[in-house]
Amino acid sequence: MTNVAGPRQPIFLTGVAVDRVMFWVPHPGRQLGMGISILSYNGFATLAVIADARLVPDPEAITAAFNREFAAMLKSVRGPHHEGHKRSPAQ
């Protein structure tokens, strides 16, 4: 598992703001059952999971749990009536 803090403000490529960025934890074949990467960028966090299907048959459960927990943390910080950005807090 790795967590990388990315830029806190938008970055631009040929004059266009980059919407989101992500990366994958290196996955060296059979030596690693699962890799999880979390990258923050411009106020959002992106979770990426790569897994060996023989060892981790349902990696979607990890991403679903992360999204629920991150949304709960965000709600506790912002309060229940905050009208923020419409994009999901963790994508």
PDB file of N, CA and C in Angstrom:
ATOM      1  N   MET A   1       0.850  -1.170   0.000  1.00  0.00           N
ATOM      2  CA  MET A   1       0.000   0.000   0.000  1.00  0.00           C
ATOM      3  C   MET A   1       0.890   1.224   0.000  1.00  0.00           C
ATOM      4  N   THR A   2       0.475   2.208  -0.769  1.00  0.00           N
ATOM      5  CA  THR A   2       1.205   3.462  -0.792  1.00  0.00           C
ATOM      6  C   THR A   2       0.233   4.625  -0.871  1.00  0.00           C
ATOM      7  N   ASN A   3       0.607   5.727  -0.286  1.00  0.00           N
ATOM      8  CA  ASN A   3      -0.187   6.950  -0.290  1.00  0.00           C
ATOM      9  C   ASN A   3       0.727   8.070  -0.767  1.00  0.00           C
ATOM     10  N   VAL A   4       0.323   8.751  -1.831  1.00  0.00           N
ATOM     11  CA  VAL A   4       1.130   9.826  -2.389  1.00  0.00           C
ATOM     12  C   VAL A   4       0.315  11.107  -2.413  1.00  0.00           C
ATOM     13  N   ALA A   5       0.881  12.158  -1.843  1.00  0.00           N
ATOM     14  CA  ALA A   5       0.232  13.470  -1.896  1.00  0.00           C
ATOM     15  C   ALA A   5       0.594  14.129  -3.215  1.00  0.00           C
ATOM     16  N   GLY A   6      -0.404  14.381  -4.027  1.00  0.00           N
ATOM     17  CA  GLY A   6      -0.185  15.040  -5.312  1.00  0.00           C
ATOM     18  C   GLY A   6      -0.396  16.539  -5.192  1.00  0.00           C
ATOM     19  N   PRO A   7      -0.403  17.235  -6.318  1.00  0.00           N
ATOM     20  CA  PRO A   7      -0.600  18.682  -6.305  1.00  0.00           C
ATOM     21  C   PRO A   7      -1.938  19.069  -5.666  1.00  0.00           C
ATOM     22  N   ARG A   8      -1.929  20.143  -4.920  1.00  0.00           N
ATOM     23  CA  ARG A   8      -3.159  20.619  -4.267  1.00  0.00           C
ATOM     24  C   ARG A   8      -3.996  21.502  -5.178  1.00  0.00           C
ATOM     25  N   GLN A   9      -3.428  21.924  -6.287  1.00  0.00           N
ATOM     26  CA  GLN A   9      -4.161  22.742  -7.251  1.00  0.00           C
ATOM     27  C   GLN A   9      -4.074  22.068  -8.615  1.00  0.00           C
ATOM     28  N   PRO A  10      -4.952  22.454  -9.547  1.00  0.00           N
ATOM     29  CA  PRO A  10      -4.946  21.805 -10.862  1.00  0.00           C
ATOM     30  C   PRO A  10      -3.606  21.968 -11.568  1.00  0.00           C
ATOM     31  N   ILE A  11      -3.249  20.952 -12.326  1.00  0.00           N
ATOM     32  CA  ILE A  11      -2.111  21.046 -13.227  1.00  0.00           C
ATOM     33  C   ILE A  11      -2.678  21.080 -14.649  1.00  0.00           C
ATOM     34  N   PHE A  12      -1.880  21.572 -15.573  1.00  0.00           N
ATOM     35  CA  PHE A  12      -2.367  21.760 -16.934  1.00  0.00           C
ATOM     36  C   PHE A  12      -1.472  21.031 -17.930  1.00  0.00           C
ATOM     37  N   LEU A  13      -2.093  20.507 -18.964  1.00  0.00           N
ATOM     38  CA  LEU A  13      -1.387  19.839 -20.046  1.00  0.00           C
ATOM     39  C   LEU A  13      -1.875  20.476 -21.339  1.00  0.00           C
ATOM     40  N   THR A  14      -1.003  21.093 -22.070  1.00  0.00           N
ATOM     41  CA  THR A  14      -1.320  21.849 -23.287  1.00  0.00           C
ATOM     42  C   THR A  14      -2.467  22.840 -23.064  1.00  0.00           C
ATOM     43  N   GLY A  15      -2.449  23.492 -21.894  1.00  0.00           N
ATOM     44  CA  GLY A  15      -3.435  24.518 -21.592  1.00  0.00           C
ATOM     45  C   GLY A  15      -4.752  24.018 -21.038  1.00  0.00           C
ATOM     46  N   VAL A  16      -4.909  22.716 -20.886  1.00  0.00           N
ATOM     47  CA  VAL A  16      -6.157  22.133 -20.390  1.00  0.00           C
ATOM     48  C   VAL A  16      -5.913  21.565 -18.992  1.00  0.00           C
ATOM     49  N   ALA A  17      -6.808  21.898 -18.049  1.00  0.00           N
ATOM     50  CA  ALA A  17      -6.674  21.393 -16.680  1.00  0.00           C
ATOM     51  C   ALA A  17      -6.867  19.875 -16.667  1.00  0.00           C
ATOM     52  N   VAL A  18      -6.004  19.195 -15.942  1.00  0.00           N
ATOM     53  CA  VAL A  18      -6.115  17.746 -15.782  1.00  0.00           C
ATOM     54  C   VAL A  18      -7.207  17.476 -14.755  1.00  0.00           C
ATOM     55  N   ASP A  19      -8.201  16.665 -15.125  1.00  0.00           N
ATOM     56  CA  ASP A  19      -9.344  16.375 -14.259  1.00  0.00           C
ATOM     57  C   ASP A  19      -8.950  15.501 -13.078  1.00  0.00           C
ATOM     58  N   ARG A  20      -8.193  14.436 -13.339  1.00  0.00           N
ATOM     59  CA  ARG A  20      -7.761  13.541 -12.270  1.00  0.00           C
ATOM     60  C   ARG A  20      -6.503  12.811 -12.689  1.00  0.00           C
ATOM     61  N   VAL A  21      -5.772  12.320 -11.706  1.00  0.00           N
ATOM     62  CA  VAL A  21      -4.560  11.559 -11.959  1.00  0.00           C
ATOM     63  C   VAL A  21      -4.612  10.289 -11.128  1.00  0.00           C
ATOM     64  N   MET A  22      -3.874   9.293 -11.555  1.00  0.00           N
ATOM     65  CA  MET A  22      -3.809   8.053 -10.783  1.00  0.00           C
ATOM     66  C   MET A  22      -2.525   7.323 -11.115  1.00  0.00           C
ATOM     67  N   PHE A  23      -2.206   6.345 -10.321  1.00  0.00           N
ATOM     68  CA  PHE A  23      -1.050   5.506 -10.575  1.00  0.00           C
ATOM     69  C   PHE A  23      -1.337   4.136  -9.982  1.00  0.00           C
ATOM     70  N   TRP A  24      -0.550   3.162 -10.368  1.00  0.00           N
ATOM     71  CA  TRP A  24      -0.700   1.798  -9.876  1.00  0.00           C
ATOM     72  C   TRP A  24       0.539   1.406  -9.097  1.00  0.00           C
ATOM     73  N   VAL A  25       0.335   0.694  -8.019  1.00  0.00           N
ATOM     74  CA  VAL A  25       1.448   0.112  -7.281  1.00  0.00           C
ATOM     75  C   VAL A  25       2.084  -0.933  -8.182  1.00  0.00           C
ATOM     76  N   PRO A  26       3.414  -0.977  -8.274  1.00  0.00           N
ATOM     77  CA  PRO A  26       4.035  -2.027  -9.082  1.00  0.00           C
ATOM     78  C   PRO A  26       3.569  -3.410  -8.614  1.00  0.00           C
ATOM     79  N   HIS A  27       3.248  -4.263  -9.552  1.00  0.00           N
ATOM     80  CA  HIS A  27       2.701  -5.581  -9.232  1.00  0.00           C
ATOM     81  C   HIS A  27       3.557  -6.647  -9.903  1.00  0.00           C
ATOM     82  N   PRO A  28       4.583  -7.125  -9.190  1.00  0.00           N
ATOM     83  CA  PRO A  28       5.548  -8.051  -9.807  1.00  0.00           C
ATOM     84  C   PRO A  28       5.064  -9.502  -9.888  1.00  0.00           C
ATOM     85  N   GLY A  29       4.077  -9.745 -10.708  1.00  0.00           N
ATOM     86  CA  GLY A  29       3.615 -11.122 -10.940  1.00  0.00           C
ATOM     87  C   GLY A  29       3.079 -11.803  -9.698  1.00  0.00           C
ATOM     88  N   ARG A  30       3.548 -12.979  -9.415  1.00  0.00           N
ATOM     89  CA  ARG A  30       3.029 -13.797  -8.316  1.00  0.00           C
ATOM     90  C   ARG A  30       3.614 -13.436  -6.957  1.00  0.00           C
ATOM     91  N   GLN A  31       4.478 -12.458  -6.902  1.00  0.00           N
ATOM     92  CA  GLN A  31       5.123 -12.109  -5.646  1.00  0.00           C
ATOM     93  C   GLN A  31       4.271 -11.204  -4.769  1.00  0.00           C
ATOM     94  N   LEU A  32       3.203 -10.658  -5.295  1.00  0.00           N
ATOM     95  CA  LEU A  32       2.380  -9.719  -4.536  1.00  0.00           C
ATOM     96  C   LEU A  32       0.913 -10.010  -4.815  1.00  0.00           C
ATOM     97  N   GLY A  33       0.149 -10.334  -3.782  1.00  0.00           N
ATOM     98  CA  GLY A  33      -1.261 -10.661  -3.952  1.00  0.00           C
ATOM     99  C   GLY A  33      -2.130  -9.462  -4.262  1.00  0.00           C
ATOM    100  N   MET A  34      -1.768  -8.301  -3.686  1.00  0.00           N
ATOM    101  CA  MET A  34      -2.585  -7.118  -3.894  1.00  0.00           C
ATOM    102  C   MET A  34      -1.750  -5.865  -3.653  1.00  0.00           C
ATOM    103  N   GLY A  35      -2.006  -4.838  -4.435  1.00  0.00           N
ATOM    104  CA  GLY A  35      -1.380  -3.535  -4.243  1.00  0.00           C
ATOM    105  C   GLY A  35      -2.461  -2.473  -4.204  1.00  0.00           C
ATOM    106  N   ILE A  36      -2.350  -1.541  -3.276  1.00  0.00           N
ATOM    107  CA  ILE A  36      -3.328  -0.457  -3.131  1.00  0.00           C
ATOM    108  C   ILE A  36      -2.580   0.866  -3.185  1.00  0.00           C
ATOM    109  N   SER A  37      -3.057   1.778  -4.019  1.00  0.00           N
ATOM    110  CA  SER A  37      -2.459   3.105  -4.085  1.00  0.00           C
ATOM    111  C   SER A  37      -3.530   4.160  -3.870  1.00  0.00           C
ATOM    112  N   ILE A  38      -3.167   5.176  -3.096  1.00  0.00           N
ATOM    113  CA  ILE A  38      -4.050   6.311  -2.842  1.00  0.00           C
ATOM    114  C   ILE A  38      -3.268   7.555  -3.248  1.00  0.00           C
ATOM    115  N   LEU A  39      -3.870   8.364  -4.119  1.00  0.00           N
ATOM    116  CA  LEU A  39      -3.229   9.566  -4.604  1.00  0.00           C
ATOM    117  C   LEU A  39      -4.183  10.741  -4.440  1.00  0.00           C
ATOM    118  N   SER A  40      -3.730  11.784  -3.760  1.00  0.00           N
ATOM    119  CA  SER A  40      -4.558  12.987  -3.660  1.00  0.00           C
ATOM    120  C   SER A  40      -4.157  13.951  -4.770  1.00  0.00           C
ATOM    121  N   TYR A  41      -5.156  14.670  -5.278  1.00  0.00           N
ATOM    122  CA  TYR A  41      -4.915  15.658  -6.328  1.00  0.00           C
ATOM    123  C   TYR A  41      -6.059  16.660  -6.325  1.00  0.00           C
ATOM    124  N   ASN A  42      -5.732  17.913  -6.188  1.00  0.00           N
ATOM    125  CA  ASN A  42      -6.707  18.998  -6.320  1.00  0.00           C
ATOM    126  C   ASN A  42      -7.936  18.809  -5.433  1.00  0.00           C
ATOM    127  N   GLY A  43      -7.725  18.364  -4.196  1.00  0.00           N
ATOM    128  CA  GLY A  43      -8.823  18.220  -3.242  1.00  0.00           C
ATOM    129  C   GLY A  43      -9.560  16.898  -3.290  1.00  0.00           C
ATOM    130  N   PHE A  44      -9.133  15.978  -4.125  1.00  0.00           N
ATOM    131  CA  PHE A  44      -9.789  14.672  -4.230  1.00  0.00           C
ATOM    132  C   PHE A  44      -8.769  13.565  -4.020  1.00  0.00           C
ATOM    133  N   ALA A  45      -9.264  12.377  -3.735  1.00  0.00           N
ATOM    134  CA  ALA A  45      -8.392  11.214  -3.568  1.00  0.00           C
ATOM    135  C   ALA A  45      -8.829  10.135  -4.548  1.00  0.00           C
ATOM    136  N   THR A  46      -7.845   9.471  -5.137  1.00  0.00           N
ATOM    137  CA  THR A  46      -8.106   8.367  -6.057  1.00  0.00           C
ATOM    138  C   THR A  46      -7.514   7.097  -5.455  1.00  0.00           C
ATOM    139  N   LEU A  47      -8.309   6.066  -5.420  1.00  0.00           N
ATOM    140  CA  LEU A  47      -7.880   4.762  -4.916  1.00  0.00           C
ATOM    141  C   LEU A  47      -7.757   3.819  -6.105  1.00  0.00           C
ATOM    142  N   ALA A  48      -6.638   3.117  -6.190  1.00  0.00           N
ATOM    143  CA  ALA A  48      -6.444   2.112  -7.237  1.00  0.00           C
ATOM    144  C   ALA A  48      -6.050   0.804  -6.560  1.00  0.00           C
ATOM    145  N   VAL A  49      -6.692  -0.258  -6.965  1.00  0.00           N
ATOM    146  CA  VAL A  49      -6.410  -1.588  -6.414  1.00  0.00           C
ATOM    147  C   VAL A  49      -6.052  -2.513  -7.567  1.00  0.00           C
ATOM    148  N   ILE A  50      -4.951  -3.227  -7.420  1.00  0.00           N
ATOM    149  CA  ILE A  50      -4.575  -4.259  -8.380  1.00  0.00           C
ATOM    150  C   ILE A  50      -4.384  -5.539  -7.570  1.00  0.00           C
ATOM    151  N   ALA A  51      -4.959  -6.632  -8.052  1.00  0.00           N
ATOM    152  CA  ALA A  51      -4.929  -7.859  -7.251  1.00  0.00           C
ATOM    153  C   ALA A  51      -4.817  -9.094  -8.131  1.00  0.00           C
ATOM    154  N   ASP A  52      -4.251 -10.121  -7.549  1.00  0.00           N
ATOM    155  CA  ASP A  52      -4.207 -11.434  -8.165  1.00  0.00           C
ATOM    156  C   ASP A  52      -5.571 -12.083  -7.905  1.00  0.00           C
ATOM    157  N   ALA A  53      -6.335 -12.344  -8.947  1.00  0.00           N
ATOM    158  CA  ALA A  53      -7.697 -12.859  -8.804  1.00  0.00           C
ATOM    159  C   ALA A  53      -7.750 -14.189  -8.065  1.00  0.00           C
ATOM    160  N   ARG A  54      -6.667 -14.964  -8.102  1.00  0.00           N
ATOM    161  CA  ARG A  54      -6.650 -16.235  -7.374  1.00  0.00           C
ATOM    162  C   ARG A  54      -6.565 -16.022  -5.862  1.00  0.00           C
ATOM    163  N   LEU A  55      -5.964 -14.910  -5.454  1.00  0.00           N
ATOM    164  CA  LEU A  55      -5.784 -14.639  -4.028  1.00  0.00           C
ATOM    165  C   LEU A  55      -6.817 -13.663  -3.470  1.00  0.00           C
ATOM    166  N   VAL A  56      -7.269 -12.746  -4.310  1.00  0.00           N
ATOM    167  CA  VAL A  56      -8.237 -11.729  -3.891  1.00  0.00           C
ATOM    168  C   VAL A  56      -9.355 -11.704  -4.936  1.00  0.00           C
ATOM    169  N   PRO A  57     -10.371 -12.540  -4.774  1.00  0.00           N
ATOM    170  CA  PRO A  57     -11.396 -12.663  -5.803  1.00  0.00           C
ATOM    171  C   PRO A  57     -12.350 -11.472  -5.907  1.00  0.00           C
ATOM    172  N   ASP A  58     -12.395 -10.613  -4.884  1.00  0.00           N
ATOM    173  CA  ASP A  58     -13.342  -9.492  -4.915  1.00  0.00           C
ATOM    174  C   ASP A  58     -12.693  -8.175  -4.459  1.00  0.00           C
ATOM    175  N   PRO A  59     -11.736  -7.648  -5.221  1.00  0.00           N
ATOM    176  CA  PRO A  59     -11.092  -6.391  -4.830  1.00  0.00           C
ATOM    177  C   PRO A  59     -12.065  -5.215  -4.822  1.00  0.00           C
ATOM    178  N   GLU A  60     -13.207  -5.355  -5.496  1.00  0.00           N
ATOM    179  CA  GLU A  60     -14.212  -4.296  -5.501  1.00  0.00           C
ATOM    180  C   GLU A  60     -14.724  -4.019  -4.088  1.00  0.00           C
ATOM    181  N   ALA A  61     -14.711  -5.020  -3.220  1.00  0.00           N
ATOM    182  CA  ALA A  61     -15.160  -4.822  -1.833  1.00  0.00           C
ATOM    183  C   ALA A  61     -14.260  -3.813  -1.121  1.00  0.00           C
ATOM    184  N   ILE A  62     -12.978  -3.818  -1.437  1.00  0.00           N
ATOM    185  CA  ILE A  62     -12.045  -2.870  -0.825  1.00  0.00           C
ATOM    186  C   ILE A  62     -12.345  -1.450  -1.299  1.00  0.00           C
ATOM    187  N   THR A  63     -12.548  -1.282  -2.597  1.00  0.00           N
ATOM    188  CA  THR A  63     -12.828   0.060  -3.102  1.00  0.00           C
ATOM    189  C   THR A  63     -14.174   0.572  -2.597  1.00  0.00           C
ATOM    190  N   ALA A  64     -15.167  -0.294  -2.495  1.00  0.00           N
ATOM    191  CA  ALA A  64     -16.473   0.116  -1.977  1.00  0.00           C
ATOM    192  C   ALA A  64     -16.363   0.553  -0.513  1.00  0.00           C
ATOM    193  N   ALA A  65     -15.630  -0.198   0.289  1.00  0.00           N
ATOM    194  CA  ALA A  65     -15.452   0.162   1.699  1.00  0.00           C
ATOM    195  C   ALA A  65     -14.679   1.467   1.832  1.00  0.00           C
ATOM    196  N   PHE A  66     -13.646   1.660   1.010  1.00  0.00           N
ATOM    197  CA  PHE A  66     -12.889   2.915   1.026  1.00  0.00           C
ATOM    198  C   PHE A  66     -13.808   4.082   0.709  1.00  0.00           C
ATOM    199  N   ASN A  67     -14.622   3.950  -0.334  1.00  0.00           N
ATOM    200  CA  ASN A  67     -15.531   5.039  -0.711  1.00  0.00           C
ATOM    201  C   ASN A  67     -16.505   5.362   0.411  1.00  0.00           C
ATOM    202  N   ARG A  68     -17.058   4.350   1.066  1.00  0.00           N
ATOM    203  CA  ARG A  68     -17.985   4.592   2.186  1.00  0.00           C
ATOM    204  C   ARG A  68     -17.289   5.327   3.330  1.00  0.00           C
ATOM    205  N   GLU A  69     -16.108   4.857   3.711  1.00  0.00           N
ATOM    206  CA  GLU A  69     -15.383   5.469   4.825  1.00  0.00           C
ATOM    207  C   GLU A  69     -14.931   6.885   4.498  1.00  0.00           C
ATOM    208  N   PHE A  70     -14.442   7.092   3.275  1.00  0.00           N
ATOM    209  CA  PHE A  70     -13.994   8.417   2.887  1.00  0.00           C
ATOM    210  C   PHE A  70     -15.168   9.385   2.873  1.00  0.00           C
ATOM    211  N   ALA A  71     -16.321   8.957   2.347  1.00  0.00           N
ATOM    212  CA  ALA A  71     -17.515   9.806   2.328  1.00  0.00           C
ATOM    213  C   ALA A  71     -17.964  10.139   3.747  1.00  0.00           C
ATOM    214  N   ALA A  72     -17.888   9.178   4.659  1.00  0.00           N
ATOM    215  CA  ALA A  72     -18.270   9.429   6.056  1.00  0.00           C
ATOM    216  C   ALA A  72     -17.312  10.434   6.707  1.00  0.00           C
ATOM    217  N   MET A  73     -16.024  10.291   6.456  1.00  0.00           N
ATOM    218  CA  MET A  73     -15.053  11.249   7.005  1.00  0.00           C
ATOM    219  C   MET A  73     -15.298  12.643   6.442  1.00  0.00           C
ATOM    220  N   LEU A  74     -15.535  12.726   5.152  1.00  0.00           N
ATOM    221  CA  LEU A  74     -15.781  14.012   4.509  1.00  0.00           C
ATOM    222  C   LEU A  74     -17.045  14.663   5.063  1.00  0.00           C
ATOM    223  N   LYS A  75     -18.081  13.868   5.248  1.00  0.00           N
ATOM    224  CA  LYS A  75     -19.336  14.390   5.791  1.00  0.00           C
ATOM    225  C   LYS A  75     -19.134  14.906   7.216  1.00  0.00           C
ATOM    226  N   SER A  76     -18.346  14.204   8.011  1.00  0.00           N
ATOM    227  CA  SER A  76     -18.127  14.652   9.393  1.00  0.00           C
ATOM    228  C   SER A  76     -17.343  15.961   9.435  1.00  0.00           C
ATOM    229  N   VAL A  77     -16.488  16.189   8.442  1.00  0.00           N
ATOM    230  CA  VAL A  77     -15.717  17.432   8.394  1.00  0.00           C
ATOM    231  C   VAL A  77     -16.560  18.576   7.839  1.00  0.00           C
ATOM    232  N   ARG A  78     -17.301  18.301   6.784  1.00  0.00           N
ATOM    233  CA  ARG A  78     -18.088  19.339   6.114  1.00  0.00           C
ATOM    234  C   ARG A  78     -19.449  19.578   6.754  1.00  0.00           C
ATOM    235  N   GLY A  79     -19.990  18.582   7.401  1.00  0.00           N
ATOM    236  CA  GLY A  79     -21.336  18.686   7.945  1.00  0.00           C
ATOM    237  C   GLY A  79     -22.340  18.118   6.955  1.00  0.00           C
ATOM    238  N   PRO A  80     -23.520  17.733   7.424  1.00  0.00           N
ATOM    239  CA  PRO A  80     -24.491  17.034   6.575  1.00  0.00           C
ATOM    240  C   PRO A  80     -25.135  17.888   5.489  1.00  0.00           C
ATOM    241  N   HIS A  81     -25.059  19.228   5.574  1.00  0.00           N
ATOM    242  CA  HIS A  81     -25.774  20.085   4.620  1.00  0.00           C
ATOM    243  C   HIS A  81     -24.845  20.816   3.666  1.00  0.00           C
ATOM    244  N   HIS A  82     -23.583  20.408   3.599  1.00  0.00           N
ATOM    245  CA  HIS A  82     -22.628  21.082   2.735  1.00  0.00           C
ATOM    246  C   HIS A  82     -22.907  20.756   1.280  1.00  0.00           C
ATOM    247  N   GLU A  83     -22.977  21.782   0.447  1.00  0.00           N
ATOM    248  CA  GLU A  83     -23.150  21.604  -0.998  1.00  0.00           C
ATOM    249  C   GLU A  83     -21.802  21.819  -1.651  1.00  0.00           C
ATOM    250  N   GLY A  84     -21.066  20.743  -1.844  1.00  0.00           N
ATOM    251  CA  GLY A  84     -19.728  20.853  -2.412  1.00  0.00           C
ATOM    252  C   GLY A  84     -19.709  20.433  -3.854  1.00  0.00           C
ATOM    253  N   HIS A  85     -18.545  20.112  -4.313  1.00  0.00           N
ATOM    254  CA  HIS A  85     -18.303  19.634  -5.672  1.00  0.00           C
ATOM    255  C   HIS A  85     -19.145  18.384  -5.909  1.00  0.00           C
ATOM    256  N   LYS A  86     -19.688  18.236  -7.083  1.00  0.00           N
ATOM    257  CA  LYS A  86     -20.604  17.125  -7.379  1.00  0.00           C
ATOM    258  C   LYS A  86     -19.891  15.804  -7.655  1.00  0.00           C
ATOM    259  N   ARG A  87     -18.583  15.829  -7.892  1.00  0.00           N
ATOM    260  CA  ARG A  87     -17.856  14.586  -8.158  1.00  0.00           C
ATOM    261  C   ARG A  87     -17.730  13.791  -6.868  1.00  0.00           C
ATOM    262  N   SER A  88     -17.799  12.493  -6.973  1.00  0.00           N
ATOM    263  CA  SER A  88     -17.640  11.625  -5.816  1.00  0.00           C
ATOM    264  C   SER A  88     -16.319  11.912  -5.114  1.00  0.00           C
ATOM    265  N   PRO A  89     -16.273  11.877  -3.761  1.00  0.00           N
ATOM    266  CA  PRO A  89     -15.071  12.237  -3.041  1.00  0.00           C
ATOM    267  C   PRO A  89     -13.899  11.298  -3.281  1.00  0.00           C
ATOM    268  N   ALA A  90     -14.157  10.100  -3.696  1.00  0.00           N
ATOM    269  CA  ALA A  90     -13.058   9.147  -3.935  1.00  0.00           C
ATOM    270  C   ALA A  90     -13.321   8.405  -5.234  1.00  0.00           C
ATOM    271  N   GLN A  91     -12.524   8.691  -6.241  1.00  0.00           N
ATOM    272  CA  GLN A  91     -12.718   8.033  -7.531  1.00  0.00           C
ATOM    273  C   GLN A  91     -11.419   7.478  -7.996  1.00  0.00           C
TER     274      GLN A  91
END
